[in-house]
Amino acid sequence: MKNIEEIKLMEIEALSDFEDHIGTLLSDMDIFREYLDKKDLKKFNKCYDYLDNLWEKVEDIIAKISDADERNRDK
């Protein structure tokens, strides 16, 4: 059982790092946004929205793994 808990912790850590990288990318994109013309802005916003959705999904996965882990500890 201890190995499974270690794997879950490693998974949460990896997902958290990935979430941090996506957050950094989104922040950098916000800075770059003001230099785009209307044509490029449409493509930019589409990419930004995809990354934002990915960030939210990763956040949800981390929460689900953490909640499941806490419920298993309570048993």
Protein backbone atom coordinates (compact mmCIF):
# COMPACT_ATOMS: atom_id res chain seq x y z
CA MET A 1 0.00 0.00 0.00
CA LYS A 2 2.84 2.36 0.74
CA ASN A 3 4.05 2.12 -2.88
CA ILE A 4 0.63 3.16 -4.16
CA GLU A 5 0.63 6.18 -1.85
CA GLU A 6 4.11 7.14 -3.06
CA ILE A 7 2.98 6.83 -6.68
CA LYS A 8 -0.05 9.04 -5.98
CA LEU A 9 2.16 11.65 -4.35
CA MET A 10 4.55 11.57 -7.31
CA GLU A 11 1.60 11.91 -9.69
CA ILE A 12 0.24 14.90 -7.77
CA GLU A 13 3.69 16.49 -7.72
CA ALA A 14 4.15 15.99 -11.47
CA LEU A 15 0.69 17.36 -12.23
CA SER A 16 1.33 20.34 -9.95
CA ASP A 17 4.57 21.09 -11.79
CA PHE A 18 2.73 20.81 -15.12
CA GLU A 19 0.02 23.13 -13.80
CA ASP A 20 2.69 25.65 -12.76
CA HIS A 21 4.25 25.56 -16.23
CA ILE A 22 0.88 26.13 -17.88
CA GLY A 23 0.21 29.02 -15.49
CA THR A 24 3.57 30.58 -16.35
CA LEU A 25 2.85 30.19 -20.06
CA LEU A 26 -0.57 31.82 -19.67
CA SER A 27 0.98 34.73 -17.77
CA ASP A 28 3.60 35.22 -20.47
CA MET A 29 0.91 35.04 -23.14
CA ASP A 30 -1.04 37.80 -21.36
CA ILE A 31 1.98 40.07 -21.68
CA PHE A 32 2.43 39.22 -25.38
CA ARG A 33 -1.28 39.69 -26.21
CA GLU A 34 -1.08 43.48 -26.51
CA TYR A 35 1.34 43.27 -29.45
CA LEU A 36 -0.96 41.24 -31.71
CA ASP A 37 -3.15 42.48 -34.51
CA LYS A 38 -6.80 41.40 -34.80
CA LYS A 39 -6.08 38.51 -37.17
CA ASP A 40 -3.43 36.97 -34.94
CA LEU A 41 -5.41 37.76 -31.80
CA LYS A 42 -8.20 35.39 -32.84
CA LYS A 43 -5.75 32.48 -33.20
CA PHE A 44 -4.01 33.54 -30.02
CA ASN A 45 -7.25 33.55 -28.03
CA LYS A 46 -8.14 30.08 -29.30
CA CYS A 47 -4.79 28.72 -28.13
CA TYR A 48 -5.08 30.59 -24.84
CA ASP A 49 -8.54 29.11 -24.22
CA TYR A 50 -7.27 25.57 -24.90
CA LEU A 51 -4.41 26.04 -22.44
CA ASP A 52 -6.76 27.54 -19.86
CA ASN A 53 -9.09 24.54 -20.19
CA LEU A 54 -6.13 22.18 -19.86
CA TRP A 55 -5.02 24.04 -16.74
CA GLU A 56 -8.50 23.64 -15.22
CA LYS A 57 -8.60 19.91 -16.07
CA VAL A 58 -5.22 19.34 -14.45
CA GLU A 59 -6.44 21.24 -11.39
CA ASP A 60 -9.55 19.01 -11.24
CA ILE A 61 -7.47 15.83 -11.56
CA ILE A 62 -5.22 16.93 -8.70
CA ALA A 63 -8.29 17.61 -6.55
CA LYS A 64 -9.82 14.21 -7.37
CA ILE A 65 -6.61 12.34 -6.59
CA SER A 66 -6.18 14.26 -3.34
CA ASP A 67 -9.80 13.69 -2.30
CA ALA A 68 -9.60 9.96 -3.07
CA ASP A 69 -6.36 9.72 -1.14
CA GLU A 70 -7.87 11.48 1.89
CA ARG A 71 -10.95 9.21 1.85
CA ASN A 72 -8.72 6.13 1.77
CA ARG A 73 -6.75 7.42 4.76
CA ASP A 74 -9.94 7.91 6.78
CA LYS A 75 -10.88 4.24 6.41
